[in-house]
Amino acid sequence: MSRIGNNPIAIPEGVTVDVKDNVVTVKGKLGELTQNYDSIEIKVEEANVLVTRSSDTKDQKAKHGLYRSLMHNMVEGVSKGWTKELELVGVGYRASNQGQKLDLALGFSHNIILDVAPEVKVETISEKGKNPIIKLTSFDKQLVGQVAAKIRGFRKPEPYKGKGVKFVGEEIRRKAGKSA
């Protein structure tokens, strides 16, 4: 029995959910998201969305929880939005943005310039004495995570000094250096 799949999804005010031809469309004040689905049933009743399955096969059990989680993330995204923050740890590591172009100085011989998707809002925060922070905001959780992972992939945090691009609040497993 899927505990996550059986939970109803509450629809907040200002959000509409439409189900047609195995496609779910969620519209809200921040944007519109669509998701294809198969082998499960999605019903909209009053102010809730219910996800049900017709049998207990392994495939249906897996998709039951998956589609319920995806639906919840869509409803949450179009009503509140999703935010990820990345921190640049290292001497000389800088970040700046002009609109949707993110300019990163990560210790390479050249700066990395990344064109961020138009659905994701980019903001860079640089305070004296603190590490630069990149703040990504969007209504699409998957897209925010994908952009954040791409930025982090340019210079992952290393285990000896902890230098690199890390998520705010992420604990980096540290190693001891050489022992003399």
Protein backbone atom coordinates (compact mmCIF):
# COMPACT_ATOMS: atom_id res chain seq x y z
CA MET A 1 0.00 0.00 0.00
CA SER A 2 1.45 3.35 -1.04
CA ARG A 3 1.25 5.82 1.83
CA ILE A 4 2.27 8.74 -0.36
CA GLY A 5 0.00 7.77 -3.27
CA ASN A 6 -3.10 7.55 -1.08
CA ASN A 7 -2.74 11.08 0.35
CA PRO A 8 -5.08 13.59 -1.30
CA ILE A 9 -3.54 16.76 -2.74
CA ALA A 10 -5.23 19.93 -1.49
CA ILE A 11 -5.76 22.52 -4.23
CA PRO A 12 -5.16 26.07 -2.91
CA GLU A 13 -7.20 29.08 -4.06
CA GLY A 14 -6.24 30.43 -7.47
CA VAL A 15 -5.05 27.04 -8.78
CA THR A 16 -6.98 25.02 -11.37
CA VAL A 17 -6.34 21.36 -12.22
CA ASP A 18 -7.61 19.89 -15.54
CA VAL A 19 -7.39 16.19 -16.46
CA LYS A 20 -7.90 15.25 -20.15
CA ASP A 21 -6.58 12.42 -22.34
CA ASN A 22 -3.86 11.25 -19.90
CA VAL A 23 -2.52 14.80 -19.49
CA VAL A 24 -2.80 16.84 -16.29
CA THR A 25 -2.64 20.63 -16.58
CA VAL A 26 -2.12 22.77 -13.48
CA LYS A 27 -2.54 26.56 -13.76
CA GLY A 28 -1.77 29.09 -11.05
CA LYS A 29 -0.62 32.65 -10.46
CA LEU A 30 3.04 31.79 -11.17
CA GLY A 31 2.59 29.72 -14.34
CA GLU A 32 1.24 26.60 -16.02
CA LEU A 33 2.60 23.03 -15.91
CA THR A 34 1.56 19.87 -17.77
CA GLN A 35 2.35 16.21 -17.07
CA ASN A 36 1.57 13.05 -19.04
CA TYR A 37 0.58 9.95 -17.08
CA ASP A 38 -0.42 6.35 -17.76
CA SER A 39 -1.83 3.25 -16.01
CA ILE A 40 -3.32 5.18 -13.05
CA GLU A 41 -6.42 7.31 -12.49
CA ILE A 42 -6.41 10.97 -11.46
CA LYS A 43 -9.67 12.54 -10.25
CA VAL A 44 -10.40 16.10 -9.18
CA GLU A 45 -13.02 16.18 -6.40
CA GLU A 46 -14.00 19.49 -4.77
CA ALA A 47 -10.71 21.01 -3.53
CA ASN A 48 -8.65 17.80 -3.71
CA VAL A 49 -6.86 15.71 -6.32
CA LEU A 50 -6.97 11.94 -5.80
CA VAL A 51 -4.55 9.49 -7.44
CA THR A 52 -5.73 5.85 -7.56
CA ARG A 53 -4.50 2.62 -9.12
CA SER A 54 -6.58 -0.24 -10.50
CA SER A 55 -4.34 -3.16 -9.44
CA ASP A 56 -1.41 -4.00 -7.16
CA THR A 57 1.20 -4.78 -9.80
CA LYS A 58 4.73 -3.59 -9.10
CA ASP A 59 4.59 -1.10 -11.99
CA GLN A 60 1.33 0.45 -10.80
CA LYS A 61 2.50 0.69 -7.19
CA ALA A 62 5.61 2.57 -8.32
CA LYS A 63 3.69 4.94 -10.59
CA HIS A 64 1.04 5.59 -7.92
CA GLY A 65 3.47 7.33 -5.57
CA LEU A 66 5.44 8.89 -8.42
CA TYR A 67 2.51 10.66 -10.08
CA ARG A 68 1.09 11.77 -6.74
CA SER A 69 4.45 13.39 -5.88
CA LEU A 70 4.72 15.01 -9.32
CA MET A 71 1.16 16.39 -8.99
CA HIS A 72 1.91 17.75 -5.50
CA ASN A 73 5.10 19.45 -6.77
CA MET A 74 3.15 21.00 -9.67
CA VAL A 75 0.40 22.38 -7.41
CA GLU A 76 2.96 23.68 -4.91
CA GLY A 77 5.05 25.23 -7.70
CA VAL A 78 2.30 27.22 -9.42
CA SER A 79 1.01 28.52 -6.06
CA LYS A 80 4.22 29.22 -4.05
CA GLY A 81 7.19 28.47 -6.33
CA TRP A 82 10.46 26.61 -5.69
CA THR A 83 13.82 28.07 -4.67
CA LYS A 84 17.35 26.64 -4.62
CA GLU A 85 20.39 28.48 -3.30
CA LEU A 86 23.98 27.70 -4.25
CA GLU A 87 27.05 28.95 -2.40
CA LEU A 88 30.46 29.53 -4.02
CA VAL A 89 33.24 28.56 -1.58
CA GLY A 90 36.78 29.49 -2.60
CA VAL A 91 39.14 32.44 -2.94
CA GLY A 92 38.29 34.47 -6.03
CA TYR A 93 35.07 32.57 -6.80
CA ARG A 94 32.50 35.09 -8.03
CA ALA A 95 29.07 35.12 -9.62
CA SER A 96 27.17 37.87 -11.40
CA ASN A 97 24.21 38.00 -13.71
CA GLN A 98 22.82 40.25 -16.42
CA GLY A 99 19.23 39.14 -16.90
CA GLN A 100 19.30 35.42 -17.70
CA LYS A 101 23.08 35.24 -18.31
CA LEU A 102 25.00 33.91 -15.33
CA ASP A 103 28.73 34.73 -15.25
CA LEU A 104 30.79 32.44 -12.98
CA ALA A 105 34.47 32.81 -12.03
CA LEU A 106 35.38 29.42 -10.53
CA GLY A 107 39.17 29.39 -10.70
CA PHE A 108 39.47 28.31 -14.33
CA SER A 109 41.47 30.29 -16.92
CA HIS A 110 38.18 31.71 -18.25
CA ASN A 111 34.79 32.69 -16.86
CA ILE A 112 31.85 30.33 -17.43
CA ILE A 113 28.82 32.05 -18.97
CA LEU A 114 25.56 30.10 -18.65
CA ASP A 115 22.29 31.01 -20.37
CA VAL A 116 19.58 30.09 -17.86
CA ALA A 117 16.12 29.01 -19.03
CA PRO A 118 13.61 31.91 -19.13
CA GLU A 119 11.30 30.14 -16.62
CA VAL A 120 14.02 30.30 -13.94
CA LYS A 121 14.69 33.64 -12.23
CA VAL A 122 18.38 34.10 -11.34
CA GLU A 123 19.64 36.34 -8.57
CA THR A 124 23.22 36.71 -7.30
CA ILE A 125 24.03 37.95 -3.81
CA SER A 126 27.58 39.15 -3.07
CA GLU A 127 28.33 40.61 0.36
CA LYS A 128 31.77 41.59 1.58
CA GLY A 129 33.27 38.94 3.83
CA LYS A 130 30.74 36.27 2.82
CA ASN A 131 30.63 33.67 0.07
CA PRO A 132 28.68 34.63 -3.08
CA ILE A 133 25.21 33.04 -3.31
CA ILE A 134 23.23 32.19 -6.45
CA LYS A 135 19.46 32.09 -5.89
CA LEU A 136 17.32 30.23 -8.45
CA THR A 137 13.52 30.60 -8.35
CA SER A 138 10.82 29.05 -10.57
CA PHE A 139 7.43 27.35 -10.56
CA ASP A 140 8.93 24.15 -12.06
CA LYS A 141 10.75 22.10 -9.39
CA GLN A 142 12.41 19.80 -11.91
CA LEU A 143 13.82 22.68 -13.95
CA VAL A 144 15.19 24.50 -10.87
CA GLY A 145 16.92 21.31 -9.72
CA GLN A 146 18.34 20.66 -13.18
CA VAL A 147 19.80 24.19 -13.50
CA ALA A 148 21.20 24.01 -9.94
CA ALA A 149 22.82 20.62 -10.66
CA LYS A 150 24.38 21.99 -13.88
CA ILE A 151 25.88 24.96 -12.01
CA ARG A 152 27.14 22.69 -9.21
CA GLY A 153 28.65 20.35 -11.81
CA PHE A 154 31.05 23.06 -13.04
CA ARG A 155 33.07 22.78 -9.79
CA LYS A 156 31.82 20.22 -7.26
CA PRO A 157 32.97 20.73 -3.66
CA GLU A 158 36.18 18.84 -2.96
CA PRO A 159 36.61 16.91 0.32
CA TYR A 160 39.90 18.43 1.58
CA LYS A 161 39.27 22.18 1.75
CA GLY A 162 35.59 22.22 0.79
CA LYS A 163 36.14 24.55 -2.18
CA GLY A 164 33.58 24.52 -4.98
CA VAL A 165 29.89 25.15 -5.63
CA LYS A 166 27.60 23.68 -2.96
CA PHE A 167 23.98 23.98 -1.93
CA VAL A 168 23.32 26.29 1.02
CA GLY A 169 23.14 24.10 4.12
CA GLU A 170 24.82 21.11 2.43
CA GLU A 171 27.27 19.21 4.63
CA ILE A 172 30.45 18.23 2.78
CA ARG A 173 32.16 15.10 4.00
CA ARG A 174 35.69 16.20 4.84
CA LYS A 175 38.86 14.10 4.67
CA ALA A 176 42.08 14.48 6.62
CA GLY A 177 45.06 15.66 4.60
CA LYS A 178 48.50 14.08 4.46
CA SER A 179 49.80 12.78 7.75
CA ALA A 180 53.51 13.45 8.22
